[in-house]
Each structure stands twice: as C-alpha cells, then as structure tokens.
N, C-alpha and C. Protein backbone atom coordinates (compact mmCIF):
# COMPACT_ATOMS: atom_id res chain seq x y z
N MET A 1 2.10 -106.85 -6.75
CA MET A 1 2.07 -106.58 -8.18
C MET A 1 0.73 -105.95 -8.54
N SER A 2 0.79 -104.88 -9.26
CA SER A 2 -0.45 -104.22 -9.62
C SER A 2 -0.87 -104.66 -11.03
N GLU A 3 -2.17 -104.72 -11.21
CA GLU A 3 -2.67 -105.20 -12.50
C GLU A 3 -2.65 -104.07 -13.52
N SER A 4 -2.58 -104.45 -14.78
CA SER A 4 -2.59 -103.45 -15.85
C SER A 4 -4.03 -102.96 -16.04
N PHE A 5 -4.14 -101.85 -16.75
CA PHE A 5 -5.47 -101.30 -17.00
C PHE A 5 -6.31 -102.30 -17.80
N GLU A 6 -5.70 -103.03 -18.71
CA GLU A 6 -6.44 -104.00 -19.52
C GLU A 6 -6.98 -105.14 -18.65
N GLU A 7 -6.17 -105.57 -17.66
CA GLU A 7 -6.63 -106.61 -16.74
C GLU A 7 -7.77 -106.09 -15.87
N LEU A 8 -7.65 -104.85 -15.43
CA LEU A 8 -8.71 -104.23 -14.64
C LEU A 8 -9.99 -104.12 -15.47
N GLU A 9 -9.83 -103.73 -16.74
CA GLU A 9 -10.99 -103.61 -17.62
C GLU A 9 -11.66 -104.97 -17.82
N ASP A 10 -10.88 -106.03 -17.97
CA ASP A 10 -11.45 -107.38 -18.10
C ASP A 10 -12.19 -107.78 -16.84
N ARG A 11 -11.60 -107.46 -15.68
CA ARG A 11 -12.25 -107.78 -14.41
C ARG A 11 -13.56 -107.00 -14.26
N TYR A 12 -13.54 -105.73 -14.68
CA TYR A 12 -14.74 -104.88 -14.63
C TYR A 12 -15.83 -105.44 -15.53
N ARG A 13 -15.47 -105.80 -16.75
CA ARG A 13 -16.48 -106.33 -17.68
C ARG A 13 -17.04 -107.67 -17.19
N GLY A 14 -16.18 -108.51 -16.61
CA GLY A 14 -16.64 -109.78 -16.05
C GLY A 14 -17.62 -109.57 -14.91
N ALA A 15 -17.30 -108.63 -14.02
CA ALA A 15 -18.19 -108.33 -12.90
C ALA A 15 -19.51 -107.74 -13.39
N LEU A 16 -19.44 -106.87 -14.38
CA LEU A 16 -20.66 -106.28 -14.95
C LEU A 16 -21.52 -107.35 -15.61
N ASN A 17 -20.90 -108.26 -16.33
CA ASN A 17 -21.65 -109.35 -16.96
C ASN A 17 -22.31 -110.24 -15.91
N ARG A 18 -21.60 -110.51 -14.82
CA ARG A 18 -22.16 -111.35 -13.75
C ARG A 18 -23.39 -110.67 -13.14
N VAL A 19 -23.32 -109.37 -12.92
CA VAL A 19 -24.47 -108.63 -12.37
C VAL A 19 -25.64 -108.68 -13.35
N SER A 20 -25.36 -108.46 -14.62
CA SER A 20 -26.43 -108.49 -15.63
C SER A 20 -27.10 -109.85 -15.68
N GLU A 21 -26.30 -110.90 -15.67
CA GLU A 21 -26.87 -112.26 -15.71
C GLU A 21 -27.66 -112.57 -14.45
N ALA A 22 -27.16 -112.16 -13.29
CA ALA A 22 -27.85 -112.43 -12.02
C ALA A 22 -29.19 -111.72 -11.98
N TYR A 23 -29.24 -110.47 -12.45
CA TYR A 23 -30.51 -109.74 -12.44
C TYR A 23 -31.47 -110.27 -13.50
N GLN A 24 -30.95 -110.79 -14.60
CA GLN A 24 -31.81 -111.42 -15.61
C GLN A 24 -32.47 -112.67 -15.02
N VAL A 25 -31.69 -113.49 -14.31
CA VAL A 25 -32.23 -114.68 -13.66
C VAL A 25 -33.27 -114.27 -12.62
N LEU A 26 -32.98 -113.23 -11.87
CA LEU A 26 -33.92 -112.75 -10.85
C LEU A 26 -35.23 -112.32 -11.49
N ARG A 27 -35.17 -111.60 -12.61
CA ARG A 27 -36.40 -111.19 -13.31
C ARG A 27 -37.17 -112.39 -13.80
N GLU A 28 -36.46 -113.41 -14.31
CA GLU A 28 -37.13 -114.61 -14.79
C GLU A 28 -37.82 -115.36 -13.66
N VAL A 29 -37.17 -115.44 -12.50
CA VAL A 29 -37.73 -116.17 -11.36
C VAL A 29 -38.89 -115.40 -10.74
N MET A 30 -38.73 -114.09 -10.57
CA MET A 30 -39.73 -113.29 -9.89
C MET A 30 -40.92 -112.92 -10.79
N GLY A 31 -40.70 -112.88 -12.09
CA GLY A 31 -41.77 -112.46 -12.99
C GLY A 31 -41.94 -110.95 -12.97
N ASP A 32 -43.00 -110.49 -13.59
CA ASP A 32 -43.29 -109.06 -13.62
C ASP A 32 -43.81 -108.60 -12.27
N PRO A 33 -43.26 -107.50 -11.75
CA PRO A 33 -43.78 -107.01 -10.47
C PRO A 33 -45.18 -106.45 -10.64
N LYS A 34 -46.05 -106.78 -9.71
CA LYS A 34 -47.42 -106.28 -9.75
C LYS A 34 -47.73 -105.65 -8.41
N PRO A 35 -48.44 -104.52 -8.41
CA PRO A 35 -48.77 -103.90 -7.13
C PRO A 35 -49.72 -104.81 -6.33
N ILE A 36 -49.57 -104.75 -5.03
CA ILE A 36 -50.42 -105.54 -4.15
C ILE A 36 -51.66 -104.71 -3.82
N ALA A 37 -52.83 -105.28 -4.04
CA ALA A 37 -54.08 -104.59 -3.75
C ALA A 37 -54.27 -104.51 -2.24
N PRO A 38 -55.01 -103.51 -1.79
CA PRO A 38 -55.28 -103.41 -0.35
C PRO A 38 -55.94 -104.70 0.16
N GLY A 39 -55.44 -105.20 1.26
CA GLY A 39 -56.01 -106.41 1.84
C GLY A 39 -55.45 -107.70 1.25
N GLU A 40 -54.67 -107.58 0.20
CA GLU A 40 -54.10 -108.77 -0.45
C GLU A 40 -52.79 -109.15 0.25
N GLU A 41 -52.55 -110.43 0.37
CA GLU A 41 -51.33 -110.92 0.99
C GLU A 41 -50.17 -110.80 0.01
N PRO A 42 -48.98 -110.46 0.50
CA PRO A 42 -47.81 -110.42 -0.39
C PRO A 42 -47.47 -111.83 -0.86
N PRO A 43 -46.82 -111.94 -2.00
CA PRO A 43 -46.46 -113.27 -2.50
C PRO A 43 -45.47 -113.97 -1.57
N VAL A 44 -45.55 -115.27 -1.54
CA VAL A 44 -44.64 -116.07 -0.74
C VAL A 44 -43.36 -116.28 -1.54
N LEU A 45 -42.22 -116.03 -0.90
CA LEU A 45 -40.95 -116.23 -1.58
C LEU A 45 -40.50 -117.68 -1.43
N THR A 46 -40.13 -118.27 -2.53
CA THR A 46 -39.64 -119.65 -2.51
C THR A 46 -38.12 -119.63 -2.37
N LYS A 47 -37.53 -120.79 -2.21
CA LYS A 47 -36.07 -120.89 -2.13
C LYS A 47 -35.44 -120.37 -3.42
N ALA A 48 -36.06 -120.64 -4.55
CA ALA A 48 -35.53 -120.14 -5.83
C ALA A 48 -35.52 -118.61 -5.86
N HIS A 49 -36.58 -117.99 -5.32
CA HIS A 49 -36.63 -116.53 -5.26
C HIS A 49 -35.50 -115.99 -4.38
N ARG A 50 -35.37 -116.57 -3.20
CA ARG A 50 -34.33 -116.12 -2.26
C ARG A 50 -32.93 -116.33 -2.83
N ASP A 51 -32.71 -117.48 -3.46
CA ASP A 51 -31.40 -117.76 -4.05
C ASP A 51 -31.07 -116.76 -5.15
N ALA A 52 -32.06 -116.43 -5.98
CA ALA A 52 -31.84 -115.47 -7.07
C ALA A 52 -31.56 -114.08 -6.50
N GLN A 53 -32.28 -113.70 -5.46
CA GLN A 53 -32.04 -112.40 -4.84
C GLN A 53 -30.66 -112.35 -4.20
N THR A 54 -30.28 -113.41 -3.53
CA THR A 54 -28.97 -113.47 -2.88
C THR A 54 -27.84 -113.38 -3.90
N GLU A 55 -27.96 -114.12 -4.99
CA GLU A 55 -26.93 -114.09 -6.03
C GLU A 55 -26.84 -112.70 -6.66
N ALA A 56 -27.98 -112.06 -6.91
CA ALA A 56 -27.97 -110.72 -7.49
C ALA A 56 -27.31 -109.72 -6.54
N MET A 57 -27.61 -109.82 -5.25
CA MET A 57 -27.01 -108.90 -4.27
C MET A 57 -25.51 -109.13 -4.14
N LYS A 58 -25.09 -110.41 -4.11
CA LYS A 58 -23.66 -110.71 -4.01
C LYS A 58 -22.91 -110.19 -5.24
N ALA A 59 -23.48 -110.44 -6.42
CA ALA A 59 -22.84 -109.99 -7.65
C ALA A 59 -22.69 -108.48 -7.64
N PHE A 60 -23.72 -107.76 -7.20
CA PHE A 60 -23.66 -106.30 -7.19
C PHE A 60 -22.64 -105.81 -6.16
N GLN A 61 -22.60 -106.44 -4.98
CA GLN A 61 -21.65 -106.03 -3.95
C GLN A 61 -20.21 -106.26 -4.39
N GLU A 62 -19.95 -107.29 -5.17
CA GLU A 62 -18.60 -107.53 -5.67
C GLU A 62 -18.27 -106.61 -6.85
N TYR A 63 -19.30 -106.18 -7.57
CA TYR A 63 -19.12 -105.32 -8.74
C TYR A 63 -18.74 -103.89 -8.36
N VAL A 64 -19.36 -103.35 -7.30
CA VAL A 64 -19.20 -101.94 -6.97
C VAL A 64 -17.75 -101.52 -6.76
N PRO A 65 -16.94 -102.23 -5.93
CA PRO A 65 -15.55 -101.77 -5.78
C PRO A 65 -14.74 -101.86 -7.08
N VAL A 66 -15.02 -102.88 -7.89
CA VAL A 66 -14.31 -103.00 -9.18
C VAL A 66 -14.72 -101.86 -10.10
N ARG A 67 -16.02 -101.53 -10.11
CA ARG A 67 -16.52 -100.42 -10.93
C ARG A 67 -15.85 -99.11 -10.52
N ASP A 68 -15.81 -98.86 -9.21
CA ASP A 68 -15.22 -97.60 -8.73
C ASP A 68 -13.74 -97.50 -9.09
N LEU A 69 -13.01 -98.59 -8.90
CA LEU A 69 -11.59 -98.60 -9.24
C LEU A 69 -11.38 -98.42 -10.74
N TYR A 70 -12.20 -99.11 -11.53
CA TYR A 70 -12.08 -99.01 -12.99
C TYR A 70 -12.28 -97.57 -13.45
N TRP A 71 -13.38 -96.95 -12.99
CA TRP A 71 -13.67 -95.60 -13.47
C TRP A 71 -12.68 -94.59 -12.93
N ALA A 72 -12.22 -94.74 -11.69
CA ALA A 72 -11.21 -93.83 -11.16
C ALA A 72 -9.92 -93.95 -11.97
N THR A 73 -9.55 -95.18 -12.32
CA THR A 73 -8.34 -95.41 -13.11
C THR A 73 -8.51 -94.86 -14.52
N ARG A 74 -9.68 -95.10 -15.11
CA ARG A 74 -9.91 -94.62 -16.47
C ARG A 74 -9.93 -93.11 -16.52
N TRP A 75 -10.60 -92.48 -15.58
CA TRP A 75 -10.62 -91.01 -15.56
C TRP A 75 -9.24 -90.46 -15.28
N GLY A 76 -8.44 -91.16 -14.50
CA GLY A 76 -7.07 -90.73 -14.25
C GLY A 76 -6.23 -90.79 -15.52
N ARG A 77 -6.54 -91.75 -16.38
CA ARG A 77 -5.80 -91.91 -17.64
C ARG A 77 -6.31 -90.94 -18.72
N GLU A 78 -7.63 -90.76 -18.77
CA GLU A 78 -8.24 -90.00 -19.86
C GLU A 78 -8.70 -88.60 -19.46
N GLY A 79 -8.60 -88.26 -18.21
CA GLY A 79 -9.11 -86.97 -17.75
C GLY A 79 -10.43 -87.15 -17.04
N ASN A 80 -10.92 -86.09 -16.50
CA ASN A 80 -12.15 -86.15 -15.72
C ASN A 80 -13.34 -86.55 -16.59
N PRO A 81 -14.39 -87.08 -15.94
CA PRO A 81 -15.58 -87.45 -16.72
C PRO A 81 -16.23 -86.21 -17.30
N PRO A 82 -16.94 -86.38 -18.41
CA PRO A 82 -17.61 -85.21 -19.00
C PRO A 82 -18.67 -84.66 -18.05
N LYS A 83 -18.83 -83.36 -18.07
CA LYS A 83 -19.85 -82.73 -17.24
C LYS A 83 -21.19 -82.79 -17.96
N SER A 84 -22.22 -83.13 -17.19
CA SER A 84 -23.56 -83.24 -17.79
C SER A 84 -24.28 -81.93 -17.74
C-alpha cells in the first residue's frame, strides 16, 4: 500500500522537526564553536556531546531519504522546481 501525499508530507515534516530539534540540542550541549589557538588542546568530548552528535547524525540520515521522496513527489505533482 502506498501512502498518500498528505501522509508523506506529515512524515517529511516530522523528520524535519526531529532534525531541527536534534541540532538545537547539539548546539546547546556543544556551545558556541571557538577556533583552537596554535598549541592549544582540542576540547574533550563528554558522553553528552557524543550522544547529541549521534542523535543529530541519525536524525539527518533518516531525514534525507524522506526529503528526497517528498520533493520528487511534490515536483511530480506541481511541475519541476523553479530555476534559480
């Protein structure tokens, strides 16, 4: 059974929201990125840092195929994307 465009759109928006939330958590955990001075040691990553990075990567990896399917389906329904 194939899903309707509305169901696909809901799945796309859910995946996009998950990615946004995961990257927001990652920014909160990691803080503002600062360049490392010559001779300075890189920051030590804690379990919270690694967990936030892992969740952000997983969310993005699950989002990409849904995004591609959504936009291919939408462009198929509405015509090709506008040319920039």
